[in-house]
Amino acid sequence: MHPDFISLIGGLHGTSPIRVFHWIFRDSPAVGIIILAGVVLYAIYRYMNRR
């Protein structure tokens, strides 16, 4: 495996999801908005298809 990938995984261990979203939005806001929209749409899909 690539050493940067291993250090990335080691660095993210114990990191809260809120901090990860903050890093994504800070680096590239467009990708952050797309990911956030995907999570919201998935939550709506799961809510609508409950039994």
N, C-alpha and C. Protein backbone atom coordinates (compact mmCIF):
# COMPACT_ATOMS: atom_id res chain seq x y z
N MET A 1 0.84 -1.19 0.00
CA MET A 1 0.00 0.00 0.00
C MET A 1 0.88 1.25 0.00
N HIS A 2 0.28 2.30 -0.42
CA HIS A 2 0.99 3.58 -0.49
C HIS A 2 1.17 4.14 0.92
N PRO A 3 2.36 4.62 1.28
CA PRO A 3 2.59 5.10 2.65
C PRO A 3 1.71 6.29 3.03
N ASP A 4 1.37 7.15 2.06
CA ASP A 4 0.50 8.28 2.39
C ASP A 4 -0.89 7.80 2.78
N PHE A 5 -1.35 6.74 2.10
CA PHE A 5 -2.68 6.19 2.40
C PHE A 5 -2.71 5.63 3.82
N ILE A 6 -1.63 4.94 4.20
CA ILE A 6 -1.56 4.36 5.54
C ILE A 6 -1.54 5.47 6.59
N SER A 7 -0.78 6.53 6.34
CA SER A 7 -0.75 7.63 7.31
C SER A 7 -2.09 8.37 7.34
N LEU A 8 -2.80 8.41 6.22
CA LEU A 8 -4.12 9.04 6.19
C LEU A 8 -5.09 8.24 7.06
N ILE A 9 -5.09 6.92 6.91
CA ILE A 9 -5.97 6.10 7.72
C ILE A 9 -5.60 6.22 9.20
N GLY A 10 -4.31 6.20 9.50
CA GLY A 10 -3.88 6.36 10.89
C GLY A 10 -4.25 7.72 11.45
N GLY A 11 -4.21 8.75 10.61
CA GLY A 11 -4.56 10.09 11.06
C GLY A 11 -6.05 10.28 11.27
N LEU A 12 -6.87 9.51 10.54
CA LEU A 12 -8.31 9.65 10.66
C LEU A 12 -8.90 8.79 11.78
N HIS A 13 -8.11 7.91 12.34
CA HIS A 13 -8.62 7.05 13.41
C HIS A 13 -8.98 7.91 14.61
N GLY A 14 -10.23 7.83 15.03
CA GLY A 14 -10.68 8.59 16.17
C GLY A 14 -11.13 10.00 15.83
N THR A 15 -11.17 10.33 14.54
CA THR A 15 -11.60 11.67 14.11
C THR A 15 -13.11 11.68 13.96
N SER A 16 -13.75 12.72 14.45
CA SER A 16 -15.20 12.79 14.37
C SER A 16 -15.65 13.08 12.94
N PRO A 17 -16.82 12.60 12.56
CA PRO A 17 -17.34 12.86 11.20
C PRO A 17 -17.53 14.35 10.93
N ILE A 18 -17.82 15.13 11.95
CA ILE A 18 -18.01 16.57 11.75
C ILE A 18 -16.70 17.21 11.30
N ARG A 19 -15.60 16.80 11.89
CA ARG A 19 -14.30 17.34 11.49
C ARG A 19 -13.95 16.93 10.05
N VAL A 20 -14.29 15.70 9.68
CA VAL A 20 -14.03 15.23 8.31
C VAL A 20 -14.83 16.07 7.32
N PHE A 21 -16.11 16.33 7.62
CA PHE A 21 -16.91 17.18 6.73
C PHE A 21 -16.33 18.58 6.65
N HIS A 22 -15.82 19.09 7.76
CA HIS A 22 -15.20 20.42 7.76
C HIS A 22 -13.99 20.44 6.83
N TRP A 23 -13.16 19.39 6.89
CA TRP A 23 -11.99 19.32 6.00
C TRP A 23 -12.42 19.26 4.55
N ILE A 24 -13.47 18.48 4.25
CA ILE A 24 -13.93 18.37 2.86
C ILE A 24 -14.45 19.71 2.37
N PHE A 25 -15.27 20.40 3.17
CA PHE A 25 -15.82 21.69 2.76
C PHE A 25 -14.72 22.74 2.61
N ARG A 26 -13.71 22.69 3.47
CA ARG A 26 -12.64 23.68 3.39
C ARG A 26 -11.80 23.49 2.14
N ASP A 27 -11.49 22.22 1.80
CA ASP A 27 -10.64 21.95 0.64
C ASP A 27 -11.38 22.16 -0.67
N SER A 28 -12.60 21.64 -0.77
CA SER A 28 -13.38 21.79 -2.01
C SER A 28 -14.87 21.82 -1.65
N PRO A 29 -15.42 23.01 -1.58
CA PRO A 29 -16.82 23.15 -1.17
C PRO A 29 -17.80 22.43 -2.10
N ALA A 30 -17.50 22.35 -3.39
CA ALA A 30 -18.43 21.70 -4.31
C ALA A 30 -18.56 20.21 -3.99
N VAL A 31 -17.45 19.55 -3.71
CA VAL A 31 -17.50 18.13 -3.36
C VAL A 31 -18.23 17.94 -2.04
N GLY A 32 -18.02 18.84 -1.09
CA GLY A 32 -18.72 18.76 0.19
C GLY A 32 -20.21 18.89 0.03
N ILE A 33 -20.65 19.80 -0.82
CA ILE A 33 -22.09 19.98 -1.06
C ILE A 33 -22.67 18.73 -1.73
N ILE A 34 -21.94 18.14 -2.67
CA ILE A 34 -22.42 16.93 -3.34
C ILE A 34 -22.54 15.78 -2.34
N ILE A 35 -21.55 15.62 -1.47
CA ILE A 35 -21.61 14.55 -0.47
C ILE A 35 -22.76 14.80 0.51
N LEU A 36 -22.93 16.04 0.95
CA LEU A 36 -24.00 16.37 1.87
C LEU A 36 -25.37 16.12 1.24
N ALA A 37 -25.53 16.51 -0.02
CA ALA A 37 -26.79 16.27 -0.72
C ALA A 37 -27.05 14.77 -0.86
N GLY A 38 -26.00 14.00 -1.12
CA GLY A 38 -26.15 12.55 -1.22
C GLY A 38 -26.60 11.93 0.08
N VAL A 39 -26.03 12.40 1.19
CA VAL A 39 -26.42 11.87 2.50
C VAL A 39 -27.87 12.23 2.80
N VAL A 40 -28.27 13.44 2.50
CA VAL A 40 -29.66 13.87 2.74
C VAL A 40 -30.62 13.07 1.87
N LEU A 41 -30.30 12.90 0.59
CA LEU A 41 -31.19 12.14 -0.29
C LEU A 41 -31.27 10.68 0.15
N TYR A 42 -30.15 10.11 0.59
CA TYR A 42 -30.17 8.73 1.08
C TYR A 42 -31.04 8.62 2.33
N ALA A 43 -30.96 9.61 3.23
CA ALA A 43 -31.79 9.59 4.44
C ALA A 43 -33.27 9.69 4.09
N ILE A 44 -33.61 10.52 3.12
CA ILE A 44 -35.00 10.63 2.68
C ILE A 44 -35.47 9.32 2.06
N TYR A 45 -34.61 8.71 1.24
CA TYR A 45 -34.94 7.43 0.62
C TYR A 45 -35.20 6.35 1.68
N ARG A 46 -34.32 6.29 2.70
CA ARG A 46 -34.51 5.29 3.75
C ARG A 46 -35.78 5.57 4.55
N TYR A 47 -36.08 6.86 4.79
CA TYR A 47 -37.28 7.21 5.54
C TYR A 47 -38.54 6.84 4.77
N MET A 48 -38.55 7.07 3.47
CA MET A 48 -39.73 6.80 2.66
C MET A 48 -39.96 5.29 2.45
N ASN A 49 -38.91 4.49 2.54
CA ASN A 49 -39.04 3.06 2.27
C ASN A 49 -39.01 2.21 3.55
N ARG A 50 -39.38 2.84 4.66
CA ARG A 50 -39.50 2.05 5.89
C ARG A 50 -40.71 1.14 5.79
N ARG A 51 -40.69 0.06 6.57
CA ARG A 51 -41.86 -0.84 6.57
C ARG A 51 -42.84 -0.41 7.62
